[in-house]
C-alpha cells in the first residue's frame, strides 16, 4: 500500500515512515525541504525499502492537489506541525493563523484531496498525529491547543461521513516526545524560567505525567501501524492517547 506522511523528515514523521517501509509499504515522504527529503528517501532506499518523496507545503492548495494526483494514498498520516509560544495578547495574528493552517486546515484539505481515490478503492486509512494538547491545555499555546482540539472534531465528522466504506480515521495523541523540536523547547524554557534543562523536564514537562517519561517515536509509529491492520478496521473516530497516565488525573 502507498503511505503518504507529512512532516516526514522530522523525528516522529521519519519514525513512522521507517516503520511502514519495514512493513513493506511504499512510503512517500512529504515535507518542505527537498534536500532533506532526498536524503531521507535515499536513507530508506539504501536499506532496500520502497520510498519516494513529495515537496509539500500543507498550506498550499496547489501543492496539496499535486501531491494527491501524483501519490494517491491508501494510508495518509497527517503529521506536519509547528509551534509558537506566547500569551494571546502577544501572539502575532499571522503566526496564530499559520499554526491553524498547518495543523488543522492542512490535514483537512489533504484528507479531502485523498478521499475520492480512497472511496473508489473501498479502502482508506487516515491517521492524524495529535497531541496531549488535543485533550488538555497549557498556557501560552492557544493556537497549538486550538488546532489539536479541532483535529479531533474534524476526525469524528469525516469518520461519520465515510462509514459506508472501508475507511477509518483516528488521532494518536502522545504526551511529550523527545524530538529535536522538544529539545529546543526545553532549552528555551530553561532560559525563560531560569532553570536547568533537567529542572524543565522534571518540573514542567513531565510534572503532570505519572510515569515520568518521554514518549518514544517508535511507540507512535507502532500505534500507527496497528491502526492499519485488519484487526483495527472498526476503530474509527477515536483518540488513542499515549500519555503515561496524564489524563487520568
C-alpha atoms as a PDB file:
ATOM      1  CA  UNK A   1       0.000   0.000   0.000  1.00  0.00           C
ATOM      2  CA  UNK A   2       1.061   3.581  -0.577  1.00  0.00           C
ATOM      3  CA  UNK A   3       1.575   5.611   2.588  1.00  0.00           C
ATOM      4  CA  UNK A   4       1.913   9.402   2.462  1.00  0.00           C
ATOM      5  CA  UNK A   5       3.408  11.001   5.573  1.00  0.00           C
ATOM      6  CA  UNK A   6       3.530  14.777   6.058  1.00  0.00           C
ATOM      7  CA  UNK A   7       6.271  16.334   8.159  1.00  0.00           C
ATOM      8  CA  UNK A   8       8.152  13.192   7.184  1.00  0.00           C
ATOM      9  CA  UNK A   9      11.713  14.410   7.705  1.00  0.00           C
ATOM     10  CA  UNK A  10      11.192  15.156  11.404  1.00  0.00           C
ATOM     11  CA  UNK A  11      11.580  12.830  14.362  1.00  0.00           C
ATOM     12  CA  UNK A  12       8.036  11.455  14.531  1.00  0.00           C
ATOM     13  CA  UNK A  13       7.392  11.601  10.786  1.00  0.00           C
ATOM     14  CA  UNK A  14      10.507   9.710   9.798  1.00  0.00           C
ATOM     15  CA  UNK A  15       9.989   7.095  12.512  1.00  0.00           C
ATOM     16  CA  UNK A  16       6.506   6.470  11.112  1.00  0.00           C
ATOM     17  CA  UNK A  17       7.872   6.336   7.554  1.00  0.00           C
ATOM     18  CA  UNK A  18      10.587   3.879   8.542  1.00  0.00           C
ATOM     19  CA  UNK A  19       8.112   1.629  10.355  1.00  0.00           C
ATOM     20  CA  UNK A  20       5.773   1.467   7.357  1.00  0.00           C
ATOM     21  CA  UNK A  21       8.697   0.915   4.986  1.00  0.00           C
ATOM     22  CA  UNK A  22       9.911  -2.009   7.101  1.00  0.00           C
ATOM     23  CA  UNK A  23       6.384  -3.416   6.901  1.00  0.00           C
ATOM     24  CA  UNK A  24       6.800  -3.490   3.104  1.00  0.00           C
ATOM     25  CA  UNK A  25       4.655  -0.481   2.278  1.00  0.00           C
ATOM     26  CA  UNK A  26       5.562   2.088  -0.381  1.00  0.00           C
ATOM     27  CA  UNK A  27       6.226   5.260   1.587  1.00  0.00           C
ATOM     28  CA  UNK A  28       6.077   8.804   0.289  1.00  0.00           C
ATOM     29  CA  UNK A  29       7.867  11.390   2.411  1.00  0.00           C
ATOM     30  CA  UNK A  30       6.137  14.769   2.204  1.00  0.00           C
ATOM     31  CA  UNK A  31       7.754  17.889   3.642  1.00  0.00           C
ATOM     32  CA  UNK A  32       9.106  21.341   2.804  1.00  0.00           C
ATOM     33  CA  UNK A  33      12.858  20.825   2.356  1.00  0.00           C
ATOM     34  CA  UNK A  34      13.656  18.989  -0.890  1.00  0.00           C
ATOM     35  CA  UNK A  35      17.309  18.446   0.011  1.00  0.00           C
ATOM     36  CA  UNK A  36      16.392  16.808   3.299  1.00  0.00           C
ATOM     37  CA  UNK A  37      13.628  14.812   1.620  1.00  0.00           C
ATOM     38  CA  UNK A  38      16.119  13.465  -0.913  1.00  0.00           C
ATOM     39  CA  UNK A  39      18.495  12.436   1.861  1.00  0.00           C
ATOM     40  CA  UNK A  40      15.800  10.735   3.946  1.00  0.00           C
ATOM     41  CA  UNK A  41      14.322   8.885   0.966  1.00  0.00           C
ATOM     42  CA  UNK A  42      17.798   7.724  -0.054  1.00  0.00           C
ATOM     43  CA  UNK A  43      18.386   6.504   3.500  1.00  0.00           C
ATOM     44  CA  UNK A  44      15.341   4.240   3.242  1.00  0.00           C
ATOM     45  CA  UNK A  45      16.166   3.131  -0.315  1.00  0.00           C
ATOM     46  CA  UNK A  46      19.683   2.160   0.788  1.00  0.00           C
ATOM     47  CA  UNK A  47      18.077  -0.321   3.186  1.00  0.00           C
ATOM     48  CA  UNK A  48      16.099  -1.851   0.345  1.00  0.00           C
ATOM     49  CA  UNK A  49      12.802  -0.152   1.122  1.00  0.00           C
ATOM     50  CA  UNK A  50      10.388   1.472  -1.333  1.00  0.00           C
ATOM     51  CA  UNK A  51      10.490   5.215  -0.792  1.00  0.00           C
ATOM     52  CA  UNK A  52       9.707   8.357  -2.745  1.00  0.00           C
ATOM     53  CA  UNK A  53       9.211  11.975  -1.765  1.00  0.00           C
ATOM     54  CA  UNK A  54       6.990  14.947  -2.481  1.00  0.00           C
ATOM     55  CA  UNK A  55       7.752  18.579  -1.708  1.00  0.00           C
ATOM     56  CA  UNK A  56       4.623  19.692   0.126  1.00  0.00           C
ATOM     57  CA  UNK A  57       3.557  22.812   1.961  1.00  0.00           C
ATOM     58  CA  UNK A  58       0.271  21.758   3.571  1.00  0.00           C
ATOM     59  CA  UNK A  59      -0.939  25.373   3.468  1.00  0.00           C
ATOM     60  CA  UNK A  60      -0.606  25.467  -0.343  1.00  0.00           C
ATOM     61  CA  UNK A  61      -3.730  24.236  -2.215  1.00  0.00           C
ATOM     62  CA  UNK A  62      -1.833  23.690  -5.479  1.00  0.00           C
ATOM     63  CA  UNK A  63       0.803  21.540  -3.795  1.00  0.00           C
ATOM     64  CA  UNK A  64      -1.899  19.552  -1.991  1.00  0.00           C
ATOM     65  CA  UNK A  65      -3.656  18.836  -5.294  1.00  0.00           C
ATOM     66  CA  UNK A  66      -0.361  17.874  -6.933  1.00  0.00           C
ATOM     67  CA  UNK A  67       0.557  15.501  -4.095  1.00  0.00           C
ATOM     68  CA  UNK A  68      -2.823  13.770  -4.237  1.00  0.00           C
ATOM     69  CA  UNK A  69      -2.619  13.425  -8.029  1.00  0.00           C
ATOM     70  CA  UNK A  70       0.933  12.051  -8.080  1.00  0.00           C
ATOM     71  CA  UNK A  71       0.787   9.970  -4.910  1.00  0.00           C
ATOM     72  CA  UNK A  72      -2.775   8.848  -4.139  1.00  0.00           C
ATOM     73  CA  UNK A  73      -2.637   7.473  -0.620  1.00  0.00           C
ATOM     74  CA  UNK A  74      -4.082   4.256   0.699  1.00  0.00           C
ATOM     75  CA  UNK A  75      -2.846   5.460   4.080  1.00  0.00           C
ATOM     76  CA  UNK A  76      -2.401   9.133   4.948  1.00  0.00           C
ATOM     77  CA  UNK A  77      -0.501  10.228   8.047  1.00  0.00           C
ATOM     78  CA  UNK A  78      -1.117  13.884   8.883  1.00  0.00           C
ATOM     79  CA  UNK A  79       1.936  14.694  10.970  1.00  0.00           C
ATOM     80  CA  UNK A  80       3.197  18.152   9.905  1.00  0.00           C
ATOM     81  CA  UNK A  81       3.347  20.567  12.806  1.00  0.00           C
ATOM     82  CA  UNK A  82       4.864  23.772  14.107  1.00  0.00           C
ATOM     83  CA  UNK A  83       4.815  25.581  17.424  1.00  0.00           C
ATOM     84  CA  UNK A  84       4.850  29.141  18.733  1.00  0.00           C
ATOM     85  CA  UNK A  85       4.570  30.006  22.407  1.00  0.00           C
ATOM     86  CA  UNK A  86       3.219  33.365  23.628  1.00  0.00           C
ATOM     87  CA  UNK A  87       0.421  34.928  25.633  1.00  0.00           C
ATOM     88  CA  UNK A  88      -2.583  35.558  23.416  1.00  0.00           C
ATOM     89  CA  UNK A  89      -2.173  39.336  23.521  1.00  0.00           C
ATOM     90  CA  UNK A  90       1.460  38.940  22.419  1.00  0.00           C
ATOM     91  CA  UNK A  91       0.736  36.291  19.797  1.00  0.00           C
ATOM     92  CA  UNK A  92       1.314  37.665  16.255  1.00  0.00           C
ATOM     93  CA  UNK A  93      -2.001  37.182  14.413  1.00  0.00           C
ATOM     94  CA  UNK A  94      -0.272  35.889  11.299  1.00  0.00           C
ATOM     95  CA  UNK A  95       1.603  33.301  13.379  1.00  0.00           C
ATOM     96  CA  UNK A  96      -1.625  32.206  15.093  1.00  0.00           C
ATOM     97  CA  UNK A  97      -3.260  31.741  11.690  1.00  0.00           C
ATOM     98  CA  UNK A  98      -0.267  29.813  10.364  1.00  0.00           C
ATOM     99  CA  UNK A  99      -0.450  27.251  13.168  1.00  0.00           C
ATOM    100  CA  UNK A 100      -4.145  26.672  12.418  1.00  0.00           C
ATOM    101  CA  UNK A 101      -3.432  26.348   8.698  1.00  0.00           C
ATOM    102  CA  UNK A 102      -0.600  23.840   9.186  1.00  0.00           C
ATOM    103  CA  UNK A 103      -2.194  21.647  11.858  1.00  0.00           C
ATOM    104  CA  UNK A 104      -5.937  21.842  11.163  1.00  0.00           C
ATOM    105  CA  UNK A 105      -6.770  23.256   7.741  1.00  0.00           C
ATOM    106  CA  UNK A 106      -3.833  21.450   6.099  1.00  0.00           C
ATOM    107  CA  UNK A 107      -4.812  17.969   7.324  1.00  0.00           C
ATOM    108  CA  UNK A 108      -8.435  18.655   6.391  1.00  0.00           C
ATOM    109  CA  UNK A 109      -7.596  19.749   2.857  1.00  0.00           C
ATOM    110  CA  UNK A 110      -5.104  16.938   2.253  1.00  0.00           C
ATOM    111  CA  UNK A 111      -7.609  14.382   3.531  1.00  0.00           C
ATOM    112  CA  UNK A 112     -10.230  15.964   1.261  1.00  0.00           C
ATOM    113  CA  UNK A 113      -7.889  15.580  -1.725  1.00  0.00           C
ATOM    114  CA  UNK A 114      -7.102  11.926  -0.955  1.00  0.00           C
ATOM    115  CA  UNK A 115     -10.651  10.811  -0.116  1.00  0.00           C
ATOM    116  CA  UNK A 116     -12.101  10.276  -3.607  1.00  0.00           C
ATOM    117  CA  UNK A 117      -9.468   7.669  -4.520  1.00  0.00           C
ATOM    118  CA  UNK A 118      -9.780   6.004  -1.124  1.00  0.00           C
ATOM    119  CA  UNK A 119     -13.530   5.699  -1.616  1.00  0.00           C
ATOM    120  CA  UNK A 120     -13.098   4.445  -5.175  1.00  0.00           C
ATOM    121  CA  UNK A 121     -10.767   1.713  -3.845  1.00  0.00           C
ATOM    122  CA  UNK A 122     -13.078   0.995  -0.902  1.00  0.00           C
ATOM    123  CA  UNK A 123     -10.065   1.353   1.377  1.00  0.00           C
ATOM    124  CA  UNK A 124      -8.589   4.258   3.247  1.00  0.00           C
ATOM    125  CA  UNK A 125      -6.797   4.934   6.494  1.00  0.00           C
ATOM    126  CA  UNK A 126      -6.148   8.432   7.816  1.00  0.00           C
ATOM    127  CA  UNK A 127      -4.002   8.780  10.909  1.00  0.00           C
ATOM    128  CA  UNK A 128      -3.617  12.192  12.484  1.00  0.00           C
ATOM    129  CA  UNK A 129      -0.719  12.823  14.825  1.00  0.00           C
ATOM    130  CA  UNK A 130      -2.329  14.892  17.512  1.00  0.00           C
ATOM    131  CA  UNK A 131      -1.002  15.687  20.957  1.00  0.00           C
ATOM    132  CA  UNK A 132      -1.840  15.552  24.632  1.00  0.00           C
ATOM    133  CA  UNK A 133      -2.821  19.151  23.907  1.00  0.00           C
ATOM    134  CA  UNK A 134      -5.780  17.877  21.902  1.00  0.00           C
ATOM    135  CA  UNK A 135      -7.191  16.926  25.313  1.00  0.00           C
ATOM    136  CA  UNK A 136      -5.709  19.335  27.844  1.00  0.00           C
ATOM    137  CA  UNK A 137      -4.330  22.866  27.740  1.00  0.00           C
ATOM    138  CA  UNK A 138      -1.107  24.623  28.681  1.00  0.00           C
ATOM    139  CA  UNK A 139      -0.581  28.367  28.982  1.00  0.00           C
ATOM    140  CA  UNK A 140       0.886  30.285  26.034  1.00  0.00           C
ATOM    141  CA  UNK A 141      -0.105  27.640  23.455  1.00  0.00           C
ATOM    142  CA  UNK A 142      -3.531  28.917  22.381  1.00  0.00           C
ATOM    143  CA  UNK A 143      -3.073  28.307  18.634  1.00  0.00           C
ATOM    144  CA  UNK A 144      -1.496  24.867  19.044  1.00  0.00           C
ATOM    145  CA  UNK A 145      -4.126  23.714  21.544  1.00  0.00           C
ATOM    146  CA  UNK A 146      -6.954  25.080  19.380  1.00  0.00           C
ATOM    147  CA  UNK A 147      -5.627  23.301  16.277  1.00  0.00           C
ATOM    148  CA  UNK A 148      -5.131  19.969  18.038  1.00  0.00           C
ATOM    149  CA  UNK A 149      -8.553  20.103  19.709  1.00  0.00           C
ATOM    150  CA  UNK A 150     -10.084  20.896  16.329  1.00  0.00           C
ATOM    151  CA  UNK A 151      -8.402  17.880  14.758  1.00  0.00           C
ATOM    152  CA  UNK A 152     -10.415  15.537  16.993  1.00  0.00           C
ATOM    153  CA  UNK A 153     -13.730  17.075  15.974  1.00  0.00           C
ATOM    154  CA  UNK A 154     -12.740  17.051  12.319  1.00  0.00           C
ATOM    155  CA  UNK A 155     -11.856  13.357  12.512  1.00  0.00           C
ATOM    156  CA  UNK A 156     -15.197  12.416  14.051  1.00  0.00           C
ATOM    157  CA  UNK A 157     -17.121  14.161  11.288  1.00  0.00           C
ATOM    158  CA  UNK A 158     -15.065  12.574   8.490  1.00  0.00           C
ATOM    159  CA  UNK A 159     -15.485   9.146  10.095  1.00  0.00           C
ATOM    160  CA  UNK A 160     -19.259   9.547  10.071  1.00  0.00           C
ATOM    161  CA  UNK A 161     -19.316  10.817   6.506  1.00  0.00           C
ATOM    162  CA  UNK A 162     -17.352   7.786   5.269  1.00  0.00           C
ATOM    163  CA  UNK A 163     -18.732   5.000   7.436  1.00  0.00           C
ATOM    164  CA  UNK A 164     -20.301   3.441   4.339  1.00  0.00           C
ATOM    165  CA  UNK A 165     -16.948   2.117   3.097  1.00  0.00           C
ATOM    166  CA  UNK A 166     -13.768   0.503   4.411  1.00  0.00           C
ATOM    167  CA  UNK A 167     -12.367   3.759   5.755  1.00  0.00           C
ATOM    168  CA  UNK A 168     -11.129   4.802   9.179  1.00  0.00           C
ATOM    169  CA  UNK A 169      -9.713   7.989  10.605  1.00  0.00           C
ATOM    170  CA  UNK A 170      -8.123   8.226  14.044  1.00  0.00           C
ATOM    171  CA  UNK A 171      -5.843  10.525  16.018  1.00  0.00           C
ATOM    172  CA  UNK A 172      -2.801   9.472  18.025  1.00  0.00           C
ATOM    173  CA  UNK A 173      -2.226  11.835  20.934  1.00  0.00           C
ATOM    174  CA  UNK A 174       1.135  11.463  22.664  1.00  0.00           C
ATOM    175  CA  UNK A 175       2.429  13.387  25.649  1.00  0.00           C
ATOM    176  CA  UNK A 176       5.860  14.969  25.185  1.00  0.00           C
ATOM    177  CA  UNK A 177       8.021  13.128  22.660  1.00  0.00           C
ATOM    178  CA  UNK A 178      11.800  13.544  22.791  1.00  0.00           C
ATOM    179  CA  UNK A 179      12.384  15.072  19.356  1.00  0.00           C
ATOM    180  CA  UNK A 180      14.681  17.917  18.208  1.00  0.00           C
ATOM    181  CA  UNK A 181      11.657  20.241  18.412  1.00  0.00           C
ATOM    182  CA  UNK A 182      11.103  19.364  22.075  1.00  0.00           C
ATOM    183  CA  UNK A 183      14.846  19.652  22.793  1.00  0.00           C
ATOM    184  CA  UNK A 184      14.635  23.260  21.582  1.00  0.00           C
ATOM    185  CA  UNK A 185      11.596  23.876  23.786  1.00  0.00           C
ATOM    186  CA  UNK A 186      13.493  22.550  26.796  1.00  0.00           C
ATOM    187  CA  UNK A 187      16.389  24.912  26.158  1.00  0.00           C
ATOM    188  CA  UNK A 188      14.073  27.868  25.581  1.00  0.00           C
ATOM    189  CA  UNK A 189      12.066  27.228  28.749  1.00  0.00           C
ATOM    190  CA  UNK A 190      15.240  26.775  30.794  1.00  0.00           C
ATOM    191  CA  UNK A 191      16.341  30.230  29.711  1.00  0.00           C
ATOM    192  CA  UNK A 192      12.898  31.789  30.215  1.00  0.00           C
ATOM    193  CA  UNK A 193      12.341  30.341  33.697  1.00  0.00           C
ATOM    194  CA  UNK A 194      15.990  30.494  34.814  1.00  0.00           C
ATOM    195  CA  UNK A 195      16.086  26.730  35.357  1.00  0.00           C
ATOM    196  CA  UNK A 196      18.413  23.961  34.303  1.00  0.00           C
ATOM    197  CA  UNK A 197      17.228  21.832  31.394  1.00  0.00           C
ATOM    198  CA  UNK A 198      16.804  18.887  33.767  1.00  0.00           C
ATOM    199  CA  UNK A 199      14.587  21.035  36.001  1.00  0.00           C
ATOM    200  CA  UNK A 200      12.458  21.971  32.985  1.00  0.00           C
ATOM    201  CA  UNK A 201      11.990  18.295  32.168  1.00  0.00           C
ATOM    202  CA  UNK A 202      11.135  17.314  35.745  1.00  0.00           C
ATOM    203  CA  UNK A 203       9.219  20.362  36.954  1.00  0.00           C
ATOM    204  CA  UNK A 204       7.386  21.441  33.801  1.00  0.00           C
ATOM    205  CA  UNK A 205       7.220  18.869  31.030  1.00  0.00           C
ATOM    206  CA  UNK A 206       6.887  15.613  32.933  1.00  0.00           C
ATOM    207  CA  UNK A 207       5.291  17.008  36.091  1.00  0.00           C
ATOM    208  CA  UNK A 208       1.702  16.063  35.063  1.00  0.00           C
ATOM    209  CA  UNK A 209       2.716  12.585  33.821  1.00  0.00           C
ATOM    210  CA  UNK A 210       2.572   9.800  36.427  1.00  0.00           C
ATOM    211  CA  UNK A 211       5.007   7.574  34.526  1.00  0.00           C
ATOM    212  CA  UNK A 212       7.568  10.437  34.290  1.00  0.00           C
ATOM    213  CA  UNK A 213       8.894   9.505  30.864  1.00  0.00           C
ATOM    214  CA  UNK A 214       9.001  10.889  27.348  1.00  0.00           C
ATOM    215  CA  UNK A 215       7.066   9.001  24.695  1.00  0.00           C
ATOM    216  CA  UNK A 216       9.369   7.302  22.189  1.00  0.00           C
ATOM    217  CA  UNK A 217       8.788   7.869  18.480  1.00  0.00           C
ATOM    218  CA  UNK A 218       8.662   4.091  17.975  1.00  0.00           C
ATOM    219  CA  UNK A 219       5.539   3.919  20.154  1.00  0.00           C
ATOM    220  CA  UNK A 220       3.749   6.339  17.844  1.00  0.00           C
ATOM    221  CA  UNK A 221       4.949   4.507  14.732  1.00  0.00           C
ATOM    222  CA  UNK A 222       3.798   1.115  16.010  1.00  0.00           C
ATOM    223  CA  UNK A 223       0.407   2.528  17.020  1.00  0.00           C
ATOM    224  CA  UNK A 224       0.006   3.923  13.505  1.00  0.00           C
ATOM    225  CA  UNK A 225       0.854   0.514  12.029  1.00  0.00           C
ATOM    226  CA  UNK A 226      -1.710  -1.175  14.260  1.00  0.00           C
ATOM    227  CA  UNK A 227      -4.440   1.195  13.072  1.00  0.00           C
ATOM    228  CA  UNK A 228      -3.867  -0.047   9.520  1.00  0.00           C
ATOM    229  CA  UNK A 229      -4.233  -3.724  10.366  1.00  0.00           C
ATOM    230  CA  UNK A 230      -7.403  -5.677   9.712  1.00  0.00           C
ATOM    231  CA  UNK A 231      -7.851  -6.091  13.455  1.00  0.00           C
ATOM    232  CA  UNK A 232      -8.384  -2.310  13.695  1.00  0.00           C
ATOM    233  CA  UNK A 233     -10.886  -1.942  10.840  1.00  0.00           C
ATOM    234  CA  UNK A 234     -13.685  -0.942  13.215  1.00  0.00           C
ATOM    235  CA  UNK A 235     -11.586   1.509  15.194  1.00  0.00           C
ATOM    236  CA  UNK A 236     -12.582   4.887  13.766  1.00  0.00           C
ATOM    237  CA  UNK A 237     -13.218   8.420  15.052  1.00  0.00           C
ATOM    238  CA  UNK A 238     -11.093   7.518  18.070  1.00  0.00           C
ATOM    239  CA  UNK A 239      -8.392   9.259  20.049  1.00  0.00           C
ATOM    240  CA  UNK A 240      -5.519   6.964  21.029  1.00  0.00           C
ATOM    241  CA  UNK A 241      -3.796   8.589  23.971  1.00  0.00           C
ATOM    242  CA  UNK A 242      -0.158   7.762  24.778  1.00  0.00           C
ATOM    243  CA  UNK A 243       0.240   9.896  27.876  1.00  0.00           C
ATOM    244  CA  UNK A 244       1.619   7.773  30.715  1.00  0.00           C
ATOM    245  CA  UNK A 245      -1.499   8.433  32.771  1.00  0.00           C
ATOM    246  CA  UNK A 246      -1.553  12.239  32.345  1.00  0.00           C
ATOM    247  CA  UNK A 247      -5.294  12.461  31.617  1.00  0.00           C
ATOM    248  CA  UNK A 248      -6.234  10.012  34.388  1.00  0.00           C
ATOM    249  CA  UNK A 249      -5.876  12.779  36.963  1.00  0.00           C
END
